[in-house]
Amino acid sequence: MATTTTPRMTAEEFFAWANRPENEDRRFELENGEVVEMSSPGEAHAVVCWLVIKVLTDYVVRRGAGQILTNDCGLVVRRNPDTVRGPDVMLFLETRTLDQAARGHVDRVPPLVVEVFSPSDQPGKLNRRIDQYHRRGVPLVWVVYPEERTVNVCRPNEFPKVLDETDELTGNGVLPDFACKVVDLFTLPGQTPIPLPTES
């Protein structure tokens, strides 16, 4: 990631700047009012994001309410100076019409944020993101690790709980009646789950 030399911005100014024609096909976040360009995470990251979205879509359809935001939709996590993160996936339990959807970044608090670990991620910076989500009021964060095929369940003021493919992922009191197998986040439709190699 490289910090660009743009003046300090508000979330609203950042949204307008990031959507200029010259910034098309580039990914940015705003940290303490400063623009940070994000690297492209690659195909494996995108596939796991889709599998997460598929599982959450099944949940939303089953309960008949809810909304999933994708495509690094900006979430305002701090004001003065403003910080805007682009979570891989956000889940809201209520349904909004397209007319009610914000034209800029999201300022409301999602019950769930999902981050899929990418090759450019650094543990320290990722932990700072999780802390920012919690400080903003997000009660549940999942960090999905494609290579290890694990999920870290992060709650405020608790140590992360690490789940592997043999475990079940639940709503942790945040997502009513949600449950899925961790392996579902790493298995494409029509495929049989491939067991992780064991140490001899």
N, C-alpha and C. Protein backbone atom coordinates (compact mmCIF):
# COMPACT_ATOMS: atom_id res chain seq x y z
N MET A 1 0.84 -1.18 0.00
CA MET A 1 0.00 0.00 0.00
C MET A 1 0.88 1.24 0.00
N ALA A 2 0.45 2.27 -0.71
CA ALA A 2 1.23 3.50 -0.77
C ALA A 2 0.33 4.69 -0.47
N THR A 3 0.78 5.55 0.41
CA THR A 3 0.01 6.74 0.74
C THR A 3 0.24 7.79 -0.34
N THR A 4 -0.83 8.34 -0.88
CA THR A 4 -0.71 9.34 -1.93
C THR A 4 -0.56 10.72 -1.30
N THR A 5 -0.23 11.71 -2.13
CA THR A 5 0.04 13.05 -1.62
C THR A 5 -1.16 13.96 -1.82
N THR A 6 -2.33 13.53 -1.39
CA THR A 6 -3.52 14.36 -1.48
C THR A 6 -3.77 15.03 -0.14
N PRO A 7 -4.44 16.18 -0.13
CA PRO A 7 -4.72 16.85 1.15
C PRO A 7 -5.64 15.99 2.02
N ARG A 8 -5.64 16.28 3.33
CA ARG A 8 -6.53 15.57 4.25
C ARG A 8 -7.98 15.83 3.86
N MET A 9 -8.78 14.78 3.85
CA MET A 9 -10.16 14.88 3.36
C MET A 9 -11.15 14.41 4.40
N THR A 10 -12.40 14.83 4.21
CA THR A 10 -13.51 14.23 4.93
C THR A 10 -13.96 13.00 4.16
N ALA A 11 -14.82 12.20 4.78
CA ALA A 11 -15.35 11.01 4.10
C ALA A 11 -16.09 11.39 2.83
N GLU A 12 -16.82 12.50 2.87
CA GLU A 12 -17.60 12.92 1.71
C GLU A 12 -16.68 13.40 0.58
N GLU A 13 -15.64 14.15 0.93
CA GLU A 13 -14.68 14.60 -0.09
C GLU A 13 -13.93 13.41 -0.68
N PHE A 14 -13.61 12.45 0.16
CA PHE A 14 -12.91 11.25 -0.30
C PHE A 14 -13.77 10.47 -1.30
N PHE A 15 -15.06 10.34 -1.02
CA PHE A 15 -15.94 9.61 -1.94
C PHE A 15 -15.95 10.27 -3.31
N ALA A 16 -16.06 11.60 -3.32
CA ALA A 16 -16.07 12.32 -4.60
C ALA A 16 -14.73 12.17 -5.31
N TRP A 17 -13.63 12.25 -4.57
CA TRP A 17 -12.29 12.13 -5.17
C TRP A 17 -12.07 10.73 -5.74
N ALA A 18 -12.42 9.70 -4.97
CA ALA A 18 -12.17 8.32 -5.38
C ALA A 18 -12.99 7.95 -6.61
N ASN A 19 -14.07 8.68 -6.87
CA ASN A 19 -14.93 8.37 -8.02
C ASN A 19 -14.66 9.26 -9.22
N ARG A 20 -13.54 9.96 -9.21
CA ARG A 20 -13.14 10.71 -10.41
C ARG A 20 -12.74 9.73 -11.51
N PRO A 21 -12.89 10.11 -12.78
CA PRO A 21 -12.54 9.21 -13.89
C PRO A 21 -11.10 8.72 -13.83
N GLU A 22 -10.17 9.57 -13.39
CA GLU A 22 -8.77 9.15 -13.37
C GLU A 22 -8.48 8.10 -12.30
N ASN A 23 -9.41 7.90 -11.37
CA ASN A 23 -9.23 6.90 -10.31
C ASN A 23 -10.00 5.62 -10.57
N GLU A 24 -10.56 5.50 -11.75
CA GLU A 24 -11.33 4.31 -12.11
C GLU A 24 -10.43 3.07 -12.04
N ASP A 25 -10.99 1.99 -11.52
CA ASP A 25 -10.29 0.70 -11.42
C ASP A 25 -9.15 0.73 -10.40
N ARG A 26 -9.15 1.68 -9.50
CA ARG A 26 -8.17 1.71 -8.40
C ARG A 26 -8.94 1.64 -7.08
N ARG A 27 -8.27 1.08 -6.07
CA ARG A 27 -8.92 0.87 -4.77
C ARG A 27 -8.24 1.75 -3.73
N PHE A 28 -9.09 2.45 -2.96
CA PHE A 28 -8.56 3.36 -1.96
C PHE A 28 -9.31 3.20 -0.64
N GLU A 29 -8.65 3.58 0.45
CA GLU A 29 -9.30 3.80 1.73
C GLU A 29 -8.84 5.16 2.24
N LEU A 30 -9.51 5.63 3.28
CA LEU A 30 -9.15 6.90 3.90
C LEU A 30 -8.77 6.62 5.34
N GLU A 31 -7.56 7.01 5.72
CA GLU A 31 -7.10 6.79 7.09
C GLU A 31 -6.67 8.11 7.71
N ASN A 32 -7.41 8.52 8.73
CA ASN A 32 -7.14 9.80 9.40
C ASN A 32 -7.07 10.95 8.39
N GLY A 33 -7.99 10.91 7.43
CA GLY A 33 -8.09 11.98 6.45
C GLY A 33 -7.13 11.87 5.29
N GLU A 34 -6.28 10.83 5.27
CA GLU A 34 -5.30 10.68 4.19
C GLU A 34 -5.65 9.47 3.32
N VAL A 35 -5.50 9.65 2.02
CA VAL A 35 -5.84 8.60 1.06
C VAL A 35 -4.75 7.54 1.04
N VAL A 36 -5.17 6.26 1.09
CA VAL A 36 -4.26 5.13 0.99
C VAL A 36 -4.73 4.25 -0.15
N GLU A 37 -3.82 3.96 -1.08
CA GLU A 37 -4.17 3.08 -2.20
C GLU A 37 -3.96 1.64 -1.79
N MET A 38 -4.91 0.77 -2.13
CA MET A 38 -4.88 -0.63 -1.76
C MET A 38 -4.47 -1.47 -2.96
N SER A 39 -3.73 -2.54 -2.69
CA SER A 39 -3.32 -3.43 -3.77
C SER A 39 -4.45 -4.39 -4.13
N SER A 40 -4.36 -4.97 -5.33
CA SER A 40 -5.36 -5.94 -5.76
C SER A 40 -5.11 -7.28 -5.06
N PRO A 41 -6.14 -7.89 -4.45
CA PRO A 41 -5.92 -9.08 -3.63
C PRO A 41 -5.82 -10.40 -4.39
N GLY A 42 -6.24 -10.48 -5.63
CA GLY A 42 -6.09 -11.70 -6.40
C GLY A 42 -7.32 -12.59 -6.44
N GLU A 43 -7.21 -13.64 -7.25
CA GLU A 43 -8.36 -14.51 -7.53
C GLU A 43 -8.81 -15.32 -6.31
N ALA A 44 -7.86 -15.95 -5.59
CA ALA A 44 -8.25 -16.79 -4.46
C ALA A 44 -9.04 -15.98 -3.44
N HIS A 45 -8.61 -14.76 -3.19
CA HIS A 45 -9.32 -13.86 -2.28
C HIS A 45 -10.74 -13.62 -2.77
N ALA A 46 -10.88 -13.35 -4.06
CA ALA A 46 -12.19 -13.06 -4.63
C ALA A 46 -13.13 -14.26 -4.55
N VAL A 47 -12.59 -15.46 -4.78
CA VAL A 47 -13.42 -16.66 -4.71
C VAL A 47 -13.94 -16.87 -3.29
N VAL A 48 -13.07 -16.71 -2.29
CA VAL A 48 -13.51 -16.91 -0.90
C VAL A 48 -14.51 -15.82 -0.50
N CYS A 49 -14.30 -14.60 -0.96
CA CYS A 49 -15.30 -13.54 -0.71
C CYS A 49 -16.66 -13.96 -1.25
N TRP A 50 -16.67 -14.53 -2.46
CA TRP A 50 -17.93 -14.97 -3.06
C TRP A 50 -18.57 -16.08 -2.24
N LEU A 51 -17.77 -17.02 -1.75
CA LEU A 51 -18.32 -18.11 -0.94
C LEU A 51 -18.90 -17.58 0.37
N VAL A 52 -18.24 -16.59 0.97
CA VAL A 52 -18.80 -15.95 2.17
C VAL A 52 -20.14 -15.29 1.84
N ILE A 53 -20.17 -14.57 0.73
CA ILE A 53 -21.40 -13.90 0.31
C ILE A 53 -22.50 -14.91 0.05
N LYS A 54 -22.14 -16.04 -0.56
CA LYS A 54 -23.14 -17.08 -0.84
C LYS A 54 -23.76 -17.60 0.45
N VAL A 55 -22.92 -17.90 1.44
CA VAL A 55 -23.43 -18.40 2.73
C VAL A 55 -24.32 -17.36 3.40
N LEU A 56 -23.91 -16.10 3.37
CA LEU A 56 -24.70 -15.06 4.01
C LEU A 56 -25.97 -14.75 3.22
N THR A 57 -25.90 -14.88 1.89
CA THR A 57 -27.11 -14.70 1.08
C THR A 57 -28.15 -15.77 1.42
N ASP A 58 -27.70 -17.01 1.55
CA ASP A 58 -28.61 -18.09 1.93
C ASP A 58 -29.28 -17.75 3.27
N TYR A 59 -28.51 -17.20 4.19
CA TYR A 59 -29.05 -16.83 5.51
C TYR A 59 -30.10 -15.72 5.39
N VAL A 60 -29.78 -14.68 4.61
CA VAL A 60 -30.70 -13.56 4.45
C VAL A 60 -31.99 -14.01 3.78
N VAL A 61 -31.87 -14.84 2.75
CA VAL A 61 -33.05 -15.33 2.04
C VAL A 61 -33.90 -16.19 2.97
N ARG A 62 -33.25 -17.03 3.76
CA ARG A 62 -33.96 -17.92 4.67
C ARG A 62 -34.75 -17.14 5.72
N ARG A 63 -34.17 -16.08 6.26
CA ARG A 63 -34.88 -15.31 7.30
C ARG A 63 -35.82 -14.26 6.72
N GLY A 64 -35.71 -14.00 5.41
CA GLY A 64 -36.64 -13.08 4.77
C GLY A 64 -36.36 -11.63 5.05
N ALA A 65 -35.16 -11.32 5.49
CA ALA A 65 -34.80 -9.93 5.78
C ALA A 65 -33.29 -9.84 5.87
N GLY A 66 -32.78 -8.67 5.53
CA GLY A 66 -31.35 -8.45 5.63
C GLY A 66 -30.78 -7.88 4.35
N GLN A 67 -29.53 -7.48 4.43
CA GLN A 67 -28.88 -6.84 3.30
C GLN A 67 -27.39 -7.09 3.39
N ILE A 68 -26.76 -7.40 2.26
CA ILE A 68 -25.33 -7.66 2.21
C ILE A 68 -24.69 -6.62 1.31
N LEU A 69 -23.61 -6.01 1.79
CA LEU A 69 -22.88 -5.03 1.00
C LEU A 69 -21.51 -5.60 0.67
N THR A 70 -21.12 -5.45 -0.59
CA THR A 70 -19.87 -6.03 -1.07
C THR A 70 -19.08 -4.97 -1.84
N ASN A 71 -18.09 -5.43 -2.61
CA ASN A 71 -17.31 -4.57 -3.50
C ASN A 71 -16.56 -3.47 -2.75
N ASP A 72 -16.09 -3.80 -1.53
CA ASP A 72 -15.33 -2.82 -0.75
C ASP A 72 -16.10 -1.53 -0.51
N CYS A 73 -17.41 -1.64 -0.36
CA CYS A 73 -18.23 -0.47 -0.05
C CYS A 73 -17.68 0.22 1.20
N GLY A 74 -17.45 1.51 1.12
CA GLY A 74 -16.82 2.23 2.22
C GLY A 74 -17.67 2.29 3.48
N LEU A 75 -17.04 2.03 4.62
CA LEU A 75 -17.69 2.15 5.92
C LEU A 75 -16.94 3.21 6.73
N VAL A 76 -17.64 4.24 7.15
CA VAL A 76 -17.03 5.29 7.97
C VAL A 76 -16.84 4.74 9.39
N VAL A 77 -15.60 4.62 9.82
CA VAL A 77 -15.32 4.07 11.14
C VAL A 77 -14.85 5.14 12.13
N ARG A 78 -14.57 6.35 11.62
CA ARG A 78 -14.11 7.42 12.51
C ARG A 78 -14.36 8.76 11.85
N ARG A 79 -14.61 9.77 12.68
CA ARG A 79 -14.77 11.14 12.21
C ARG A 79 -13.75 12.05 12.92
N ASN A 80 -13.32 13.08 12.19
CA ASN A 80 -12.48 14.15 12.75
C ASN A 80 -11.18 13.66 13.38
N PRO A 81 -10.20 13.20 12.63
CA PRO A 81 -10.20 13.07 11.17
C PRO A 81 -10.92 11.80 10.73
N ASP A 82 -11.39 11.84 9.52
CA ASP A 82 -12.22 10.74 9.02
C ASP A 82 -11.38 9.54 8.58
N THR A 83 -11.91 8.35 8.89
CA THR A 83 -11.33 7.10 8.40
C THR A 83 -12.43 6.29 7.75
N VAL A 84 -12.20 5.85 6.52
CA VAL A 84 -13.16 5.05 5.76
C VAL A 84 -12.47 3.74 5.37
N ARG A 85 -13.01 2.63 5.85
CA ARG A 85 -12.50 1.31 5.48
C ARG A 85 -13.40 0.69 4.42
N GLY A 86 -12.82 -0.25 3.67
CA GLY A 86 -13.59 -0.97 2.65
C GLY A 86 -13.66 -2.44 2.99
N PRO A 87 -14.54 -2.83 3.92
CA PRO A 87 -14.64 -4.26 4.28
C PRO A 87 -14.98 -5.11 3.07
N ASP A 88 -14.51 -6.35 3.09
CA ASP A 88 -14.86 -7.25 1.99
C ASP A 88 -16.35 -7.52 1.94
N VAL A 89 -16.96 -7.71 3.11
CA VAL A 89 -18.40 -7.99 3.19
C VAL A 89 -18.96 -7.34 4.45
N MET A 90 -20.14 -6.76 4.33
CA MET A 90 -20.90 -6.27 5.50
C MET A 90 -22.30 -6.86 5.45
N LEU A 91 -22.81 -7.24 6.60
CA LEU A 91 -24.17 -7.77 6.69
C LEU A 91 -25.00 -6.91 7.63
N PHE A 92 -26.18 -6.51 7.15
CA PHE A 92 -27.17 -5.81 7.97
C PHE A 92 -28.39 -6.72 8.11
N LEU A 93 -29.03 -6.68 9.25
CA LEU A 93 -30.17 -7.55 9.50
C LEU A 93 -31.48 -6.98 8.97
N GLU A 94 -31.51 -5.67 8.74
CA GLU A 94 -32.73 -5.07 8.21
C GLU A 94 -32.60 -4.90 6.70
N THR A 95 -33.73 -4.81 6.03
CA THR A 95 -33.77 -4.63 4.59
C THR A 95 -34.06 -3.17 4.27
N ARG A 96 -33.32 -2.62 3.34
CA ARG A 96 -33.57 -1.27 2.85
C ARG A 96 -33.84 -1.32 1.35
N THR A 97 -34.66 -0.41 0.89
CA THR A 97 -34.90 -0.32 -0.55
C THR A 97 -33.72 0.39 -1.21
N LEU A 98 -33.61 0.27 -2.52
CA LEU A 98 -32.55 0.96 -3.24
C LEU A 98 -32.65 2.46 -3.07
N ASP A 99 -33.89 2.98 -2.94
CA ASP A 99 -34.07 4.42 -2.73
C ASP A 99 -33.51 4.86 -1.38
N GLN A 100 -33.46 3.95 -0.41
CA GLN A 100 -32.94 4.29 0.92
C GLN A 100 -31.43 4.13 1.02
N ALA A 101 -30.82 3.48 0.03
CA ALA A 101 -29.38 3.23 0.07
C ALA A 101 -28.62 4.54 -0.06
N ALA A 102 -27.56 4.68 0.74
CA ALA A 102 -26.74 5.88 0.72
C ALA A 102 -26.05 6.02 -0.64
N ARG A 103 -25.92 7.24 -1.11
CA ARG A 103 -25.22 7.48 -2.37
C ARG A 103 -23.70 7.54 -2.16
N GLY A 104 -23.29 7.63 -0.91
CA GLY A 104 -21.87 7.65 -0.59
C GLY A 104 -21.51 6.47 0.30
N HIS A 105 -20.57 6.70 1.20
CA HIS A 105 -20.14 5.65 2.10
C HIS A 105 -21.20 5.35 3.16
N VAL A 106 -21.10 4.18 3.76
CA VAL A 106 -22.06 3.76 4.78
C VAL A 106 -21.67 4.38 6.12
N ASP A 107 -22.65 4.98 6.78
CA ASP A 107 -22.40 5.60 8.08
C ASP A 107 -23.09 4.84 9.21
N ARG A 108 -23.95 3.88 8.87
CA ARG A 108 -24.60 3.08 9.91
C ARG A 108 -23.72 1.89 10.26
N VAL A 109 -24.02 1.24 11.38
CA VAL A 109 -23.14 0.19 11.90
C VAL A 109 -23.68 -1.19 11.54
N PRO A 110 -22.92 -2.00 10.81
CA PRO A 110 -23.37 -3.35 10.50
C PRO A 110 -23.15 -4.29 11.68
N PRO A 111 -24.02 -5.27 11.89
CA PRO A 111 -23.78 -6.27 12.93
C PRO A 111 -22.57 -7.15 12.63
N LEU A 112 -22.27 -7.35 11.34
CA LEU A 112 -21.17 -8.23 10.96
C LEU A 112 -20.33 -7.59 9.86
N VAL A 113 -19.01 -7.64 10.07
CA VAL A 113 -18.04 -7.30 9.03
C VAL A 113 -17.18 -8.53 8.79
N VAL A 114 -16.92 -8.83 7.52
CA VAL A 114 -16.06 -9.96 7.16
C VAL A 114 -14.86 -9.43 6.38
N GLU A 115 -13.67 -9.81 6.82
CA GLU A 115 -12.45 -9.52 6.09
C GLU A 115 -11.82 -10.85 5.66
N VAL A 116 -11.49 -10.97 4.39
CA VAL A 116 -10.80 -12.14 3.88
C VAL A 116 -9.33 -11.78 3.74
N PHE A 117 -8.47 -12.50 4.43
CA PHE A 117 -7.05 -12.20 4.45
C PHE A 117 -6.48 -12.33 3.04
N SER A 118 -5.72 -11.31 2.62
CA SER A 118 -5.14 -11.29 1.28
C SER A 118 -3.62 -11.25 1.38
N PRO A 119 -2.92 -11.54 0.28
CA PRO A 119 -1.46 -11.60 0.31
C PRO A 119 -0.80 -10.32 0.81
N SER A 120 -1.44 -9.17 0.60
CA SER A 120 -0.83 -7.90 1.01
C SER A 120 -1.13 -7.52 2.45
N ASP A 121 -2.00 -8.27 3.11
CA ASP A 121 -2.38 -7.92 4.49
C ASP A 121 -1.21 -8.15 5.45
N GLN A 122 -1.11 -7.27 6.43
CA GLN A 122 -0.13 -7.40 7.50
C GLN A 122 -0.88 -7.52 8.81
N PRO A 123 -0.48 -8.47 9.68
CA PRO A 123 -1.23 -8.71 10.92
C PRO A 123 -1.47 -7.46 11.75
N GLY A 124 -0.46 -6.61 11.90
CA GLY A 124 -0.63 -5.41 12.71
C GLY A 124 -1.68 -4.48 12.16
N LYS A 125 -1.64 -4.26 10.84
CA LYS A 125 -2.61 -3.37 10.21
C LYS A 125 -4.00 -3.99 10.23
N LEU A 126 -4.07 -5.32 10.06
CA LEU A 126 -5.36 -5.99 10.12
C LEU A 126 -5.96 -5.87 11.52
N ASN A 127 -5.14 -6.04 12.54
CA ASN A 127 -5.64 -5.89 13.92
C ASN A 127 -6.15 -4.47 14.17
N ARG A 128 -5.49 -3.48 13.58
CA ARG A 128 -5.95 -2.10 13.74
C ARG A 128 -7.32 -1.91 13.08
N ARG A 129 -7.51 -2.53 11.92
CA ARG A 129 -8.82 -2.45 11.26
C ARG A 129 -9.90 -3.05 12.15
N ILE A 130 -9.63 -4.23 12.71
CA ILE A 130 -10.61 -4.90 13.56
C ILE A 130 -10.95 -4.03 14.76
N ASP A 131 -9.92 -3.43 15.36
CA ASP A 131 -10.15 -2.54 16.50
C ASP A 131 -11.00 -1.34 16.10
N GLN A 132 -10.77 -0.81 14.91
CA GLN A 132 -11.58 0.32 14.43
C GLN A 132 -13.03 -0.09 14.23
N TYR A 133 -13.25 -1.28 13.70
CA TYR A 133 -14.63 -1.76 13.55
C TYR A 133 -15.31 -1.86 14.92
N HIS A 134 -14.62 -2.44 15.88
CA HIS A 134 -15.21 -2.60 17.21
C HIS A 134 -15.49 -1.24 17.85
N ARG A 135 -14.55 -0.31 17.71
CA ARG A 135 -14.75 1.03 18.28
C ARG A 135 -15.93 1.74 17.63
N ARG A 136 -16.16 1.43 16.37
CA ARG A 136 -17.31 2.03 15.67
C ARG A 136 -18.63 1.41 16.13
N GLY A 137 -18.54 0.24 16.80
CA GLY A 137 -19.74 -0.41 17.31
C GLY A 137 -20.09 -1.71 16.65
N VAL A 138 -19.25 -2.19 15.72
CA VAL A 138 -19.51 -3.48 15.06
C VAL A 138 -19.30 -4.60 16.08
N PRO A 139 -20.33 -5.39 16.39
CA PRO A 139 -20.20 -6.39 17.44
C PRO A 139 -19.53 -7.70 17.03
N LEU A 140 -19.43 -7.95 15.71
CA LEU A 140 -18.90 -9.23 15.27
C LEU A 140 -18.09 -9.04 13.98
N VAL A 141 -16.85 -9.53 14.02
CA VAL A 141 -15.97 -9.48 12.84
C VAL A 141 -15.43 -10.89 12.60
N TRP A 142 -15.54 -11.34 11.37
CA TRP A 142 -14.91 -12.60 10.96
C TRP A 142 -13.71 -12.27 10.10
N VAL A 143 -12.57 -12.88 10.40
CA VAL A 143 -11.41 -12.79 9.52
C VAL A 143 -11.19 -14.18 8.94
N VAL A 144 -11.33 -14.29 7.64
CA VAL A 144 -11.26 -15.58 6.95
C VAL A 144 -9.88 -15.73 6.32
N TYR A 145 -9.23 -16.86 6.59
CA TYR A 145 -7.89 -17.13 6.08
C TYR A 145 -7.96 -18.25 5.04
N PRO A 146 -7.89 -17.91 3.74
CA PRO A 146 -8.04 -18.92 2.70
C PRO A 146 -6.98 -20.02 2.73
N GLU A 147 -5.72 -19.67 2.97
CA GLU A 147 -4.66 -20.68 2.92
C GLU A 147 -4.77 -21.68 4.07
N GLU A 148 -5.03 -21.17 5.27
CA GLU A 148 -5.16 -22.04 6.44
C GLU A 148 -6.54 -22.66 6.53
N ARG A 149 -7.50 -22.07 5.79
CA ARG A 149 -8.91 -22.49 5.85
C ARG A 149 -9.43 -22.43 7.28
N THR A 150 -9.23 -21.27 7.88
CA THR A 150 -9.71 -21.01 9.23
C THR A 150 -10.46 -19.68 9.25
N VAL A 151 -11.21 -19.47 10.33
CA VAL A 151 -11.92 -18.22 10.55
C VAL A 151 -11.63 -17.76 11.98
N ASN A 152 -11.19 -16.52 12.12
CA ASN A 152 -11.07 -15.91 13.44
C ASN A 152 -12.35 -15.15 13.74
N VAL A 153 -13.00 -15.50 14.84
CA VAL A 153 -14.22 -14.82 15.28
C VAL A 153 -13.81 -13.78 16.31
N CYS A 154 -14.03 -12.52 15.98
CA CYS A 154 -13.55 -11.41 16.82
C CYS A 154 -14.73 -10.65 17.41
N ARG A 155 -14.77 -10.61 18.75
CA ARG A 155 -15.77 -9.85 19.49
C ARG A 155 -15.06 -8.79 20.32
N PRO A 156 -15.71 -7.66 20.62
CA PRO A 156 -15.06 -6.63 21.43
C PRO A 156 -14.64 -7.16 22.80
N ASN A 157 -13.44 -6.78 23.21
CA ASN A 157 -12.92 -7.11 24.54
C ASN A 157 -12.79 -8.61 24.79
N GLU A 158 -12.63 -9.39 23.71
CA GLU A 158 -12.41 -10.82 23.84
C GLU A 158 -11.25 -11.23 22.94
N PHE A 159 -10.57 -12.31 23.33
CA PHE A 159 -9.56 -12.87 22.44
C PHE A 159 -10.25 -13.52 21.25
N PRO A 160 -9.68 -13.40 20.05
CA PRO A 160 -10.29 -14.05 18.88
C PRO A 160 -10.40 -15.55 19.08
N LYS A 161 -11.49 -16.12 18.59
CA LYS A 161 -11.68 -17.56 18.62
C LYS A 161 -11.37 -18.11 17.23
N VAL A 162 -10.45 -19.05 17.16
CA VAL A 162 -10.03 -19.61 15.87
C VAL A 162 -10.81 -20.89 15.59
N LEU A 163 -11.49 -20.91 14.44
CA LEU A 163 -12.26 -22.08 14.02
C LEU A 163 -11.64 -22.66 12.77
N ASP A 164 -11.58 -24.00 12.71
CA ASP A 164 -11.08 -24.65 11.50
C ASP A 164 -12.22 -25.36 10.79
N GLU A 165 -11.88 -26.14 9.76
CA GLU A 165 -12.91 -26.74 8.91
C GLU A 165 -13.77 -27.78 9.62
N THR A 166 -13.35 -28.24 10.77
CA THR A 166 -14.15 -29.21 11.52
C THR A 166 -15.18 -28.52 12.40
N ASP A 167 -15.13 -27.19 12.48
CA ASP A 167 -15.99 -26.44 13.40
C ASP A 167 -17.23 -25.88 12.71
N GLU A 168 -18.14 -25.42 13.55
CA GLU A 168 -19.34 -24.74 13.07
C GLU A 168 -19.22 -23.25 13.40
N LEU A 169 -19.60 -22.43 12.46
CA LEU A 169 -19.62 -20.98 12.64
C LEU A 169 -21.04 -20.56 12.97
N THR A 170 -21.21 -19.84 14.08
CA THR A 170 -22.55 -19.42 14.50
C THR A 170 -22.64 -17.89 14.52
N GLY A 171 -23.84 -17.42 14.86
CA GLY A 171 -24.07 -15.98 14.90
C GLY A 171 -23.61 -15.31 16.17
N ASN A 172 -23.10 -16.08 17.14
CA ASN A 172 -22.54 -15.52 18.37
C ASN A 172 -23.46 -14.54 19.08
N GLY A 173 -24.76 -14.83 19.03
CA GLY A 173 -25.71 -13.93 19.68
C GLY A 173 -25.98 -12.65 18.93
N VAL A 174 -25.35 -12.48 17.76
CA VAL A 174 -25.51 -11.27 16.95
C VAL A 174 -26.41 -11.53 15.75
N LEU A 175 -26.20 -12.68 15.10
CA LEU A 175 -27.01 -13.06 13.94
C LEU A 175 -27.98 -14.16 14.37
N PRO A 176 -29.24 -13.84 14.54
CA PRO A 176 -30.21 -14.83 15.04
C PRO A 176 -30.30 -16.06 14.14
N ASP A 177 -30.17 -17.24 14.74
CA ASP A 177 -30.37 -18.52 14.05
C ASP A 177 -29.40 -18.75 12.90
N PHE A 178 -28.25 -18.09 12.94
CA PHE A 178 -27.26 -18.36 11.89
C PHE A 178 -26.33 -19.48 12.32
N ALA A 179 -26.05 -20.38 11.38
CA ALA A 179 -25.04 -21.43 11.60
C ALA A 179 -24.63 -21.97 10.25
N CYS A 180 -23.34 -22.24 10.09
CA CYS A 180 -22.85 -22.91 8.90
C CYS A 180 -21.56 -23.63 9.26
N LYS A 181 -21.17 -24.56 8.43
CA LYS A 181 -19.91 -25.24 8.63
C LYS A 181 -18.78 -24.34 8.08
N VAL A 182 -17.70 -24.26 8.81
CA VAL A 182 -16.58 -23.46 8.34
C VAL A 182 -16.13 -23.93 6.96
N VAL A 183 -16.17 -25.23 6.73
CA VAL A 183 -15.74 -25.78 5.45
C VAL A 183 -16.55 -25.22 4.28
N ASP A 184 -17.79 -24.77 4.54
CA ASP A 184 -18.61 -24.21 3.47
C ASP A 184 -18.01 -22.94 2.88
N LEU A 185 -17.16 -22.27 3.66
CA LEU A 185 -16.53 -21.04 3.17
C LEU A 185 -15.36 -21.31 2.23
N PHE A 186 -15.00 -22.58 2.10
CA PHE A 186 -13.85 -22.93 1.28
C PHE A 186 -14.16 -24.02 0.26
N THR A 187 -15.44 -24.32 0.05
CA THR A 187 -15.84 -25.39 -0.86
C THR A 187 -16.74 -24.83 -1.96
N LEU A 188 -16.31 -24.99 -3.21
CA LEU A 188 -17.11 -24.52 -4.33
C LEU A 188 -18.30 -25.44 -4.57
N PRO A 189 -19.40 -24.92 -5.12
CA PRO A 189 -20.55 -25.77 -5.43
C PRO A 189 -20.16 -26.94 -6.32
N GLY A 190 -20.64 -28.13 -5.97
CA GLY A 190 -20.34 -29.32 -6.75
C GLY A 190 -19.05 -30.01 -6.36
N GLN A 191 -18.29 -29.40 -5.45
CA GLN A 191 -17.04 -30.00 -5.01
C GLN A 191 -17.22 -30.68 -3.66
N THR A 192 -16.45 -31.72 -3.45
CA THR A 192 -16.39 -32.37 -2.14
C THR A 192 -15.28 -31.71 -1.35
N PRO A 193 -15.55 -31.35 -0.09
CA PRO A 193 -14.48 -30.73 0.71
C PRO A 193 -13.22 -31.57 0.72
N ILE A 194 -12.08 -30.91 0.47
CA ILE A 194 -10.79 -31.60 0.47
C ILE A 194 -10.16 -31.43 1.83
N PRO A 195 -9.87 -32.53 2.52
CA PRO A 195 -9.30 -32.40 3.85
C PRO A 195 -7.90 -31.78 3.81
N LEU A 196 -7.59 -31.01 4.85
CA LEU A 196 -6.25 -30.43 4.95
C LEU A 196 -5.24 -31.55 5.19
N PRO A 197 -4.02 -31.40 4.66
CA PRO A 197 -3.01 -32.42 4.93
C PRO A 197 -2.66 -32.48 6.39
N THR A 198 -2.43 -33.67 6.89
CA THR A 198 -2.06 -33.83 8.31
C THR A 198 -0.57 -34.08 8.39
N GLU A 199 0.01 -33.63 9.50
CA GLU A 199 1.43 -33.84 9.70
C GLU A 199 1.69 -35.29 10.07
N SER A 200 2.71 -35.89 9.45
CA SER A 200 3.03 -37.28 9.73
C SER A 200 4.00 -37.38 10.91
